[in-house]
N, C-alpha and C. Protein backbone atom coordinates (compact mmCIF):
# COMPACT_ATOMS: atom_id res chain seq x y z
N MET A 1 -11.88 5.54 23.45
CA MET A 1 -10.47 5.80 23.70
C MET A 1 -9.78 4.45 23.86
N ASP A 2 -8.69 4.25 23.14
CA ASP A 2 -8.00 2.98 23.27
C ASP A 2 -6.88 3.07 24.31
N GLU A 3 -6.26 1.95 24.57
CA GLU A 3 -5.22 1.83 25.60
C GLU A 3 -4.07 2.81 25.37
N CYS A 4 -3.67 3.00 24.13
CA CYS A 4 -2.56 3.91 23.82
C CYS A 4 -2.92 5.35 24.18
N GLU A 5 -4.14 5.75 23.87
CA GLU A 5 -4.57 7.11 24.18
C GLU A 5 -4.59 7.35 25.69
N GLU A 6 -5.04 6.35 26.43
CA GLU A 6 -5.09 6.47 27.88
C GLU A 6 -3.71 6.64 28.49
N GLU A 7 -2.71 5.99 27.90
CA GLU A 7 -1.35 6.04 28.43
C GLU A 7 -0.51 7.13 27.79
N GLY A 8 -1.08 7.92 26.87
CA GLY A 8 -0.35 9.00 26.22
C GLY A 8 0.68 8.51 25.22
N ILE A 9 0.47 7.33 24.68
CA ILE A 9 1.40 6.75 23.71
C ILE A 9 0.99 7.17 22.31
N THR A 10 1.96 7.59 21.53
CA THR A 10 1.73 7.93 20.14
C THR A 10 1.95 6.70 19.28
N ARG A 11 1.00 6.41 18.42
CA ARG A 11 1.14 5.28 17.49
C ARG A 11 1.44 5.81 16.11
N ILE A 12 2.35 5.17 15.43
CA ILE A 12 2.75 5.57 14.08
C ILE A 12 2.40 4.43 13.13
N PHE A 13 1.79 4.78 12.00
CA PHE A 13 1.35 3.78 11.05
C PHE A 13 1.93 4.07 9.66
N ASN A 14 2.30 3.00 8.96
CA ASN A 14 2.59 3.12 7.54
C ASN A 14 1.26 3.14 6.81
N ILE A 15 1.16 3.98 5.80
CA ILE A 15 -0.02 4.00 4.95
C ILE A 15 0.44 3.52 3.59
N GLY A 16 -0.10 2.41 3.14
CA GLY A 16 0.34 1.85 1.86
C GLY A 16 -0.68 0.88 1.32
N THR A 17 -0.43 0.48 0.10
CA THR A 17 -1.32 -0.46 -0.56
C THR A 17 -0.92 -1.87 -0.19
N GLU A 18 -1.69 -2.83 -0.68
CA GLU A 18 -1.40 -4.23 -0.38
C GLU A 18 -0.58 -4.89 -1.48
N ASP A 19 -0.20 -4.11 -2.49
CA ASP A 19 0.63 -4.65 -3.56
C ASP A 19 1.92 -3.85 -3.65
N ALA A 20 2.84 -4.32 -4.46
CA ALA A 20 4.13 -3.67 -4.60
C ALA A 20 4.27 -3.06 -5.99
N VAL A 21 5.15 -2.09 -6.12
CA VAL A 21 5.43 -1.47 -7.41
C VAL A 21 6.94 -1.21 -7.47
N SER A 22 7.53 -1.48 -8.63
CA SER A 22 8.96 -1.26 -8.77
C SER A 22 9.25 0.23 -8.96
N VAL A 23 10.44 0.60 -8.57
CA VAL A 23 10.85 2.00 -8.74
C VAL A 23 10.86 2.35 -10.23
N ARG A 24 11.27 1.41 -11.07
CA ARG A 24 11.24 1.66 -12.52
C ARG A 24 9.82 1.96 -12.98
N ARG A 25 8.85 1.18 -12.49
CA ARG A 25 7.46 1.38 -12.91
C ARG A 25 6.94 2.73 -12.44
N ILE A 26 7.35 3.16 -11.24
CA ILE A 26 6.98 4.49 -10.77
C ILE A 26 7.50 5.54 -11.74
N ALA A 27 8.76 5.41 -12.15
CA ALA A 27 9.35 6.36 -13.10
C ALA A 27 8.61 6.32 -14.43
N GLU A 28 8.24 5.13 -14.90
CA GLU A 28 7.51 5.01 -16.16
C GLU A 28 6.15 5.71 -16.09
N ILE A 29 5.44 5.53 -14.99
CA ILE A 29 4.13 6.16 -14.84
C ILE A 29 4.27 7.68 -14.84
N VAL A 30 5.23 8.20 -14.09
CA VAL A 30 5.45 9.65 -14.05
C VAL A 30 5.74 10.17 -15.45
N CYS A 31 6.60 9.48 -16.18
CA CYS A 31 6.95 9.91 -17.54
C CYS A 31 5.74 9.83 -18.47
N GLU A 32 4.94 8.76 -18.35
CA GLU A 32 3.72 8.65 -19.16
C GLU A 32 2.81 9.85 -18.94
N GLU A 33 2.62 10.22 -17.69
CA GLU A 33 1.73 11.34 -17.36
C GLU A 33 2.30 12.68 -17.84
N LEU A 34 3.61 12.79 -17.89
CA LEU A 34 4.25 14.01 -18.37
C LEU A 34 4.41 14.03 -19.89
N GLY A 35 4.06 12.91 -20.53
CA GLY A 35 4.21 12.82 -21.99
C GLY A 35 5.65 12.69 -22.43
N LEU A 36 6.48 12.12 -21.58
CA LEU A 36 7.91 11.95 -21.89
C LEU A 36 8.21 10.50 -22.21
N LYS A 37 9.22 10.31 -23.05
CA LYS A 37 9.64 8.95 -23.40
C LYS A 37 11.16 8.84 -23.24
N PRO A 38 11.63 8.91 -22.00
CA PRO A 38 13.08 8.86 -21.78
C PRO A 38 13.61 7.44 -21.92
N ARG A 39 14.91 7.37 -22.09
CA ARG A 39 15.60 6.08 -22.04
C ARG A 39 16.22 6.01 -20.65
N PHE A 40 15.86 5.02 -19.89
CA PHE A 40 16.36 4.89 -18.53
C PHE A 40 17.76 4.28 -18.55
N LYS A 41 18.62 4.82 -17.72
CA LYS A 41 19.96 4.28 -17.56
C LYS A 41 20.17 4.05 -16.08
N PHE A 42 20.45 2.80 -15.72
CA PHE A 42 20.63 2.45 -14.33
C PHE A 42 22.12 2.31 -14.03
N THR A 43 22.54 2.86 -12.93
CA THR A 43 23.94 2.77 -12.51
C THR A 43 23.99 2.10 -11.15
N GLY A 44 25.15 1.74 -10.71
CA GLY A 44 25.28 1.15 -9.39
C GLY A 44 25.28 -0.36 -9.40
N GLY A 45 25.31 -0.96 -10.59
CA GLY A 45 25.35 -2.42 -10.65
C GLY A 45 23.99 -3.07 -10.48
N LYS A 46 24.01 -4.35 -10.20
CA LYS A 46 22.79 -5.14 -10.11
C LYS A 46 21.89 -4.69 -8.95
N ARG A 47 22.47 -4.31 -7.86
CA ARG A 47 21.72 -3.92 -6.66
C ARG A 47 21.44 -2.43 -6.60
N GLY A 48 22.19 -1.62 -7.32
CA GLY A 48 22.04 -0.18 -7.20
C GLY A 48 22.97 0.35 -6.13
N TRP A 49 22.69 1.53 -5.63
CA TRP A 49 23.55 2.10 -4.61
C TRP A 49 23.11 1.65 -3.22
N LYS A 50 23.94 1.89 -2.22
CA LYS A 50 23.61 1.52 -0.85
C LYS A 50 22.29 2.17 -0.43
N GLY A 51 21.43 1.38 0.13
CA GLY A 51 20.14 1.90 0.59
C GLY A 51 19.07 1.94 -0.49
N ASP A 52 19.43 1.58 -1.71
CA ASP A 52 18.48 1.61 -2.82
C ASP A 52 17.42 0.53 -2.65
N VAL A 53 16.22 0.81 -3.12
CA VAL A 53 15.15 -0.19 -3.11
C VAL A 53 14.66 -0.39 -4.54
N ARG A 54 14.47 -1.63 -4.92
CA ARG A 54 13.94 -1.91 -6.26
C ARG A 54 12.42 -1.86 -6.27
N THR A 55 11.83 -2.27 -5.17
CA THR A 55 10.38 -2.38 -5.07
C THR A 55 9.90 -1.68 -3.81
N MET A 56 8.84 -0.92 -3.94
CA MET A 56 8.28 -0.21 -2.79
C MET A 56 7.06 -0.98 -2.29
N LEU A 57 7.11 -1.40 -1.03
CA LEU A 57 5.99 -2.07 -0.39
C LEU A 57 6.06 -1.76 1.09
N LEU A 58 5.13 -0.93 1.56
CA LEU A 58 5.07 -0.58 2.98
C LEU A 58 4.18 -1.58 3.71
N ASP A 59 4.56 -1.92 4.92
CA ASP A 59 3.76 -2.82 5.74
C ASP A 59 2.72 -2.00 6.48
N ALA A 60 1.51 -2.04 5.98
CA ALA A 60 0.42 -1.27 6.58
C ALA A 60 -0.52 -2.18 7.39
N SER A 61 0.00 -3.33 7.81
CA SER A 61 -0.85 -4.30 8.51
C SER A 61 -1.40 -3.75 9.83
N ALA A 62 -0.64 -2.92 10.54
CA ALA A 62 -1.14 -2.36 11.81
C ALA A 62 -2.37 -1.49 11.57
N LEU A 63 -2.31 -0.68 10.53
CA LEU A 63 -3.45 0.18 10.21
C LEU A 63 -4.63 -0.65 9.69
N ARG A 64 -4.33 -1.66 8.86
CA ARG A 64 -5.39 -2.53 8.36
C ARG A 64 -6.07 -3.29 9.50
N SER A 65 -5.31 -3.60 10.57
CA SER A 65 -5.91 -4.31 11.70
C SER A 65 -6.98 -3.47 12.40
N LEU A 66 -6.95 -2.17 12.16
CA LEU A 66 -7.96 -1.28 12.73
C LEU A 66 -9.13 -1.04 11.77
N GLY A 67 -9.09 -1.72 10.60
CA GLY A 67 -10.20 -1.62 9.66
C GLY A 67 -9.93 -0.75 8.44
N TRP A 68 -8.78 -0.08 8.39
CA TRP A 68 -8.46 0.77 7.24
C TRP A 68 -8.11 -0.08 6.03
N ARG A 69 -8.55 0.35 4.87
CA ARG A 69 -8.20 -0.31 3.61
C ARG A 69 -7.85 0.75 2.58
N PRO A 70 -6.85 0.49 1.72
CA PRO A 70 -6.51 1.46 0.68
C PRO A 70 -7.59 1.50 -0.39
N LYS A 71 -7.76 2.68 -1.00
CA LYS A 71 -8.74 2.83 -2.07
C LYS A 71 -8.17 2.40 -3.42
N PHE A 72 -6.85 2.50 -3.57
CA PHE A 72 -6.22 2.26 -4.86
C PHE A 72 -5.08 1.26 -4.74
N LYS A 73 -4.76 0.60 -5.82
CA LYS A 73 -3.56 -0.21 -5.92
C LYS A 73 -2.38 0.75 -6.14
N SER A 74 -1.17 0.24 -6.01
CA SER A 74 0.02 1.09 -6.08
C SER A 74 0.12 1.91 -7.36
N GLU A 75 -0.01 1.24 -8.51
CA GLU A 75 0.15 1.96 -9.77
C GLU A 75 -0.88 3.07 -9.92
N GLU A 76 -2.12 2.80 -9.54
CA GLU A 76 -3.17 3.82 -9.64
C GLU A 76 -2.88 4.98 -8.69
N ALA A 77 -2.38 4.67 -7.49
CA ALA A 77 -2.05 5.72 -6.52
C ALA A 77 -0.93 6.61 -7.05
N VAL A 78 0.09 6.01 -7.67
CA VAL A 78 1.19 6.79 -8.24
C VAL A 78 0.67 7.66 -9.38
N ARG A 79 -0.15 7.08 -10.23
CA ARG A 79 -0.70 7.83 -11.38
C ARG A 79 -1.55 9.02 -10.90
N ARG A 80 -2.42 8.79 -9.94
CA ARG A 80 -3.27 9.87 -9.43
C ARG A 80 -2.45 10.96 -8.74
N ALA A 81 -1.46 10.55 -7.96
CA ALA A 81 -0.59 11.54 -7.30
C ALA A 81 0.14 12.38 -8.33
N THR A 82 0.64 11.73 -9.38
CA THR A 82 1.34 12.44 -10.45
C THR A 82 0.40 13.43 -11.14
N GLN A 83 -0.80 12.98 -11.45
CA GLN A 83 -1.78 13.87 -12.08
C GLN A 83 -2.11 15.07 -11.20
N ASP A 84 -2.25 14.84 -9.90
CA ASP A 84 -2.53 15.93 -8.98
C ASP A 84 -1.38 16.94 -8.94
N LEU A 85 -0.15 16.43 -8.93
CA LEU A 85 1.01 17.34 -8.91
C LEU A 85 1.13 18.13 -10.21
N ILE A 86 0.87 17.48 -11.33
CA ILE A 86 0.92 18.16 -12.62
C ILE A 86 -0.13 19.27 -12.67
N ALA A 87 -1.30 18.99 -12.12
CA ALA A 87 -2.38 19.99 -12.11
C ALA A 87 -2.01 21.24 -11.32
N GLU A 88 -1.10 21.09 -10.37
CA GLU A 88 -0.69 22.22 -9.55
C GLU A 88 0.41 23.07 -10.19
N ILE A 89 1.02 22.56 -11.24
CA ILE A 89 2.11 23.30 -11.91
C ILE A 89 1.54 24.42 -12.74
């Protein structure tokens, strides 16, 4: 039992890979798995809309400090998740 458990503290962790992936690449992977070849059109200017992110990278250092390591890199995780969702359709 660690100190947080003894004090009744809930710890929250990000679960993520150690690399980054762009939102465009996520869309490309999903389309590849669906067999689609869309033409992407981006709106909102250079930055996109308020709150938009170009690259997804979660800080999972707290979880890694406890010994956890991701099994997949970002692109592989997106591809596998997409394949799993397609299999459920």
